[in-house]
């Protein structure tokens, strides 16, 4: 069963999301207020995959909350709602650790697609945002600058991904946890400016980042 945590102040959006997840995906859903989260810390969040952030008007607070959750629970996927449409703020949100960004008045189809993409380790942006915006968010860097920005461990993980090792096999080979491999993989996707595993392998090979 899917498990979701919704961080919100019980708005119409959060209640609608809770209703959709419970009814249509038969998921276990916890609704957590920001006030409660501040009191209990991340112990309020369930151990499921998905954490939803309701609209937080102040971008700095949204980014700080996203970064805190991402640092403390790197294996959980963060999906955020918002009203802003400009690439600098959206880019900052993804850099903080978000996996998806949806406009607050999105439909259930977008929510469904966001879950599907995020579950596969891909990023998702509300489809009503333009293709140009999406391109500007994930535009690849030059091979030289990207290679210099990869850590030694990230290069090891990237090589093993290209060599078709699974996440569990990479974890066993490098003596690290499954979650740590997942975190490295997401960082690689962000640094190489791609959206999924196929793009990651393609970019790694074309940029001569692997043997």
Foldseek 3Di string as FASTA:
>chain_A
DAEEEEEDPPDPLVVVVVVCCCPVVVYHYHYHYPVRCVVPPCVSGDPGAEYEYEEDADLVVLLVVLLSCCVVPVRHAYEYEYADQALVSVLSSVVSPHQEYEYSPDDVVLVVVCCVLVVQVFHYYHPVRDPVSLCVSLPFDALVVLLVPQDPVLLVLLQVVLVVDDLVRSCVVVVHDSSVSSNSVNVLSRSRSHTHSVVSNVSCVVSVSYD
